[in-house]
Amino acid sequence: MKHVISIGINNVSGLIPLNAAASGAKEFADWATSQGYKTTVFTDEGNIPVSQAAIFATIMNIINDKNCEKLVIFFSGHGILKSPSQEIW
């Protein structure tokens, strides 16, 4: 089974709000579904925060099912390069 986890975050405290990160994540998930992937979408639309714990739990469920041949994690939103070897998204 092929899986996509698509994450889109428009609003991060202290950073300029984005207009299309969440919608881009949903569009990617729609494309992935059309290509035969099972998709899970996390966005902050409606001011609902995205939980890192929820994303990790979804990944662990996929792994524990032991039927995943491919896992793609797509992220749309701000990223920060704190140093040449430390990128945070």
N, C-alpha and C. Protein backbone atom coordinates (compact mmCIF):
# COMPACT_ATOMS: atom_id res chain seq x y z
N MET A 1 0.85 -1.17 0.00
CA MET A 1 0.00 0.00 0.00
C MET A 1 0.89 1.24 0.00
N LYS A 2 0.47 2.27 -0.71
CA LYS A 2 1.19 3.54 -0.78
C LYS A 2 0.42 4.59 0.04
N HIS A 3 1.16 5.37 0.83
CA HIS A 3 0.55 6.36 1.70
C HIS A 3 1.16 7.74 1.47
N VAL A 4 0.34 8.76 1.62
CA VAL A 4 0.79 10.16 1.64
C VAL A 4 0.23 10.82 2.88
N ILE A 5 1.11 11.49 3.60
CA ILE A 5 0.70 12.39 4.67
C ILE A 5 1.00 13.79 4.16
N SER A 6 -0.02 14.59 4.00
CA SER A 6 0.12 15.93 3.43
C SER A 6 -0.20 16.96 4.51
N ILE A 7 0.78 17.85 4.77
CA ILE A 7 0.68 18.81 5.87
C ILE A 7 0.75 20.22 5.29
N GLY A 8 -0.19 21.07 5.68
CA GLY A 8 -0.19 22.47 5.22
C GLY A 8 -0.45 23.41 6.39
N ILE A 9 0.51 24.28 6.65
CA ILE A 9 0.42 25.20 7.78
C ILE A 9 0.50 26.63 7.26
N ASN A 10 -0.59 27.37 7.37
CA ASN A 10 -0.62 28.77 6.94
C ASN A 10 -0.11 29.73 8.02
N ASN A 11 -0.38 29.43 9.28
CA ASN A 11 -0.13 30.39 10.36
C ASN A 11 0.85 29.84 11.39
N VAL A 12 1.95 30.58 11.57
CA VAL A 12 2.94 30.25 12.58
C VAL A 12 3.21 31.53 13.37
N SER A 13 3.13 31.43 14.67
CA SER A 13 3.35 32.60 15.52
C SER A 13 4.71 33.25 15.21
N GLY A 14 4.67 34.55 14.99
CA GLY A 14 5.90 35.29 14.73
C GLY A 14 6.31 35.36 13.27
N LEU A 15 5.61 34.65 12.39
CA LEU A 15 5.93 34.66 10.96
C LEU A 15 4.73 35.19 10.18
N ILE A 16 5.01 35.72 9.00
CA ILE A 16 3.95 36.24 8.14
C ILE A 16 3.01 35.10 7.74
N PRO A 17 1.70 35.28 7.90
CA PRO A 17 0.75 34.23 7.49
C PRO A 17 0.87 33.93 6.00
N LEU A 18 0.71 32.69 5.65
CA LEU A 18 0.71 32.27 4.26
C LEU A 18 -0.73 32.12 3.79
N ASN A 19 -0.93 32.23 2.49
CA ASN A 19 -2.28 32.17 1.95
C ASN A 19 -2.65 30.82 1.34
N ALA A 20 -1.66 30.01 0.98
CA ALA A 20 -1.99 28.82 0.20
C ALA A 20 -1.29 27.55 0.66
N ALA A 21 -0.64 27.55 1.82
CA ALA A 21 0.03 26.33 2.27
C ALA A 21 -0.99 25.22 2.53
N ALA A 22 -2.06 25.53 3.23
CA ALA A 22 -3.08 24.53 3.53
C ALA A 22 -3.77 24.04 2.26
N SER A 23 -4.14 24.96 1.40
CA SER A 23 -4.82 24.54 0.16
C SER A 23 -3.86 23.75 -0.74
N GLY A 24 -2.58 24.10 -0.72
CA GLY A 24 -1.59 23.35 -1.50
C GLY A 24 -1.45 21.92 -1.00
N ALA A 25 -1.50 21.76 0.32
CA ALA A 25 -1.42 20.41 0.89
C ALA A 25 -2.65 19.59 0.49
N LYS A 26 -3.81 20.22 0.48
CA LYS A 26 -5.03 19.51 0.07
C LYS A 26 -4.98 19.16 -1.41
N GLU A 27 -4.44 20.05 -2.24
CA GLU A 27 -4.32 19.76 -3.67
C GLU A 27 -3.34 18.61 -3.91
N PHE A 28 -2.24 18.60 -3.16
CA PHE A 28 -1.30 17.49 -3.30
C PHE A 28 -1.96 16.17 -2.91
N ALA A 29 -2.72 16.19 -1.82
CA ALA A 29 -3.42 14.98 -1.38
C ALA A 29 -4.42 14.52 -2.43
N ASP A 30 -5.12 15.45 -3.06
CA ASP A 30 -6.06 15.08 -4.13
C ASP A 30 -5.32 14.40 -5.28
N TRP A 31 -4.17 14.97 -5.65
CA TRP A 31 -3.37 14.36 -6.72
C TRP A 31 -2.92 12.96 -6.31
N ALA A 32 -2.41 12.83 -5.07
CA ALA A 32 -1.91 11.54 -4.59
C ALA A 32 -3.03 10.49 -4.59
N THR A 33 -4.22 10.90 -4.18
CA THR A 33 -5.36 9.99 -4.20
C THR A 33 -5.63 9.51 -5.63
N SER A 34 -5.54 10.42 -6.58
CA SER A 34 -5.77 10.05 -7.98
C SER A 34 -4.70 9.10 -8.51
N GLN A 35 -3.55 9.04 -7.83
CA GLN A 35 -2.46 8.14 -8.23
C GLN A 35 -2.45 6.84 -7.43
N GLY A 36 -3.49 6.63 -6.61
CA GLY A 36 -3.62 5.38 -5.88
C GLY A 36 -3.05 5.37 -4.47
N TYR A 37 -2.70 6.53 -3.95
CA TYR A 37 -2.19 6.62 -2.58
C TYR A 37 -3.35 6.76 -1.59
N LYS A 38 -3.19 6.16 -0.44
CA LYS A 38 -4.09 6.43 0.68
C LYS A 38 -3.55 7.70 1.34
N THR A 39 -4.40 8.70 1.54
CA THR A 39 -3.91 10.00 2.00
C THR A 39 -4.50 10.40 3.34
N THR A 40 -3.67 11.13 4.10
CA THR A 40 -4.10 11.76 5.34
C THR A 40 -3.64 13.21 5.26
N VAL A 41 -4.54 14.14 5.54
CA VAL A 41 -4.24 15.57 5.42
C VAL A 41 -4.31 16.23 6.80
N PHE A 42 -3.31 17.04 7.08
CA PHE A 42 -3.28 17.87 8.28
C PHE A 42 -3.13 19.32 7.84
N THR A 43 -4.10 20.18 8.17
CA THR A 43 -3.98 21.61 7.88
C THR A 43 -4.47 22.41 9.09
N ASP A 44 -4.08 23.67 9.10
CA ASP A 44 -4.53 24.56 10.18
C ASP A 44 -5.68 25.45 9.74
N GLU A 45 -6.41 25.02 8.73
CA GLU A 45 -7.58 25.79 8.30
C GLU A 45 -8.60 25.85 9.42
N GLY A 46 -9.29 26.96 9.53
CA GLY A 46 -10.27 27.14 10.58
C GLY A 46 -9.63 27.34 11.94
N ASN A 47 -8.37 27.77 11.94
CA ASN A 47 -7.62 28.03 13.18
C ASN A 47 -7.52 26.79 14.08
N ILE A 48 -7.54 25.62 13.47
CA ILE A 48 -7.36 24.38 14.23
C ILE A 48 -5.87 24.03 14.14
N PRO A 49 -5.18 24.02 15.28
CA PRO A 49 -3.74 23.73 15.24
C PRO A 49 -3.45 22.29 14.82
N VAL A 50 -2.33 22.13 14.13
CA VAL A 50 -1.87 20.80 13.74
C VAL A 50 -0.94 20.30 14.83
N SER A 51 -1.21 19.11 15.31
CA SER A 51 -0.44 18.53 16.40
C SER A 51 0.67 17.63 15.86
N GLN A 52 1.89 17.87 16.32
CA GLN A 52 3.00 17.00 15.96
C GLN A 52 2.71 15.58 16.44
N ALA A 53 2.12 15.45 17.59
CA ALA A 53 1.78 14.12 18.13
C ALA A 53 0.81 13.38 17.21
N ALA A 54 -0.16 14.10 16.65
CA ALA A 54 -1.12 13.46 15.74
C ALA A 54 -0.44 12.98 14.46
N ILE A 55 0.49 13.77 13.96
CA ILE A 55 1.23 13.37 12.75
C ILE A 55 2.06 12.13 13.06
N PHE A 56 2.80 12.15 14.17
CA PHE A 56 3.62 10.99 14.54
C PHE A 56 2.77 9.75 14.78
N ALA A 57 1.60 9.91 15.39
CA ALA A 57 0.72 8.77 15.62
C ALA A 57 0.25 8.17 14.30
N THR A 58 -0.05 9.03 13.33
CA THR A 58 -0.47 8.54 12.02
C THR A 58 0.66 7.76 11.35
N ILE A 59 1.88 8.28 11.44
CA ILE A 59 3.03 7.58 10.87
C ILE A 59 3.22 6.23 11.55
N MET A 60 3.13 6.20 12.87
CA MET A 60 3.31 4.94 13.60
C MET A 60 2.22 3.93 13.24
N ASN A 61 0.98 4.39 13.06
CA ASN A 61 -0.09 3.48 12.65
C ASN A 61 0.20 2.86 11.30
N ILE A 62 0.70 3.67 10.38
CA ILE A 62 1.05 3.16 9.04
C ILE A 62 2.16 2.12 9.16
N ILE A 63 3.18 2.42 9.93
CA ILE A 63 4.30 1.50 10.10
C ILE A 63 3.84 0.22 10.79
N ASN A 64 3.05 0.36 11.83
CA ASN A 64 2.61 -0.82 12.58
C ASN A 64 1.68 -1.73 11.79
N ASP A 65 0.99 -1.19 10.78
CA ASP A 65 0.15 -2.03 9.93
C ASP A 65 0.98 -2.98 9.07
N LYS A 66 2.24 -2.67 8.87
CA LYS A 66 3.21 -3.52 8.15
C LYS A 66 2.76 -3.87 6.73
N ASN A 67 2.09 -2.92 6.07
CA ASN A 67 1.70 -3.15 4.68
C ASN A 67 2.06 -1.97 3.79
N CYS A 68 2.96 -1.11 4.28
CA CYS A 68 3.32 0.10 3.54
C CYS A 68 4.55 -0.15 2.69
N GLU A 69 4.40 0.03 1.37
CA GLU A 69 5.54 -0.11 0.48
C GLU A 69 6.18 1.24 0.17
N LYS A 70 5.40 2.32 0.34
CA LYS A 70 5.93 3.66 0.08
C LYS A 70 5.17 4.65 0.96
N LEU A 71 5.94 5.55 1.63
CA LEU A 71 5.34 6.60 2.45
C LEU A 71 5.94 7.93 2.02
N VAL A 72 5.09 8.85 1.60
CA VAL A 72 5.51 10.18 1.20
C VAL A 72 4.94 11.17 2.21
N ILE A 73 5.80 12.03 2.75
CA ILE A 73 5.35 13.09 3.64
C ILE A 73 5.60 14.41 2.92
N PHE A 74 4.50 15.12 2.65
CA PHE A 74 4.55 16.39 1.94
C PHE A 74 4.28 17.50 2.94
N PHE A 75 5.11 18.55 2.91
CA PHE A 75 4.91 19.69 3.80
C PHE A 75 4.87 20.96 2.99
N SER A 76 3.87 21.79 3.30
CA SER A 76 3.72 23.10 2.68
C SER A 76 3.59 24.12 3.81
N GLY A 77 4.51 25.07 3.88
CA GLY A 77 4.49 26.08 4.93
C GLY A 77 5.87 26.68 5.11
N HIS A 78 6.04 27.44 6.19
CA HIS A 78 7.32 28.05 6.49
C HIS A 78 8.33 26.99 6.92
N GLY A 79 9.56 27.23 6.61
CA GLY A 79 10.67 26.45 7.11
C GLY A 79 11.73 27.42 7.61
N ILE A 80 12.53 26.98 8.53
CA ILE A 80 13.58 27.84 9.09
C ILE A 80 14.90 27.10 9.00
N LEU A 81 15.91 27.77 8.47
CA LEU A 81 17.25 27.23 8.42
C LEU A 81 18.04 27.90 9.55
N LYS A 82 18.18 27.20 10.68
CA LYS A 82 18.87 27.77 11.84
C LYS A 82 20.38 27.75 11.66
N SER A 83 20.88 26.76 10.94
CA SER A 83 22.30 26.64 10.62
C SER A 83 22.39 25.73 9.39
N PRO A 84 23.56 25.63 8.77
CA PRO A 84 23.66 24.81 7.56
C PRO A 84 23.20 23.36 7.74
N SER A 85 23.22 22.86 8.96
CA SER A 85 22.81 21.46 9.17
C SER A 85 21.56 21.33 10.03
N GLN A 86 20.85 22.43 10.25
CA GLN A 86 19.66 22.36 11.11
C GLN A 86 18.49 23.10 10.45
N GLU A 87 17.69 22.32 9.75
CA GLU A 87 16.51 22.86 9.09
C GLU A 87 15.26 22.42 9.85
N ILE A 88 14.37 23.35 10.13
CA ILE A 88 13.14 23.05 10.88
C ILE A 88 11.94 23.41 10.01
N TRP A 89 10.99 22.48 9.91
CA TRP A 89 9.74 22.77 9.19
C TRP A 89 8.58 22.31 10.00
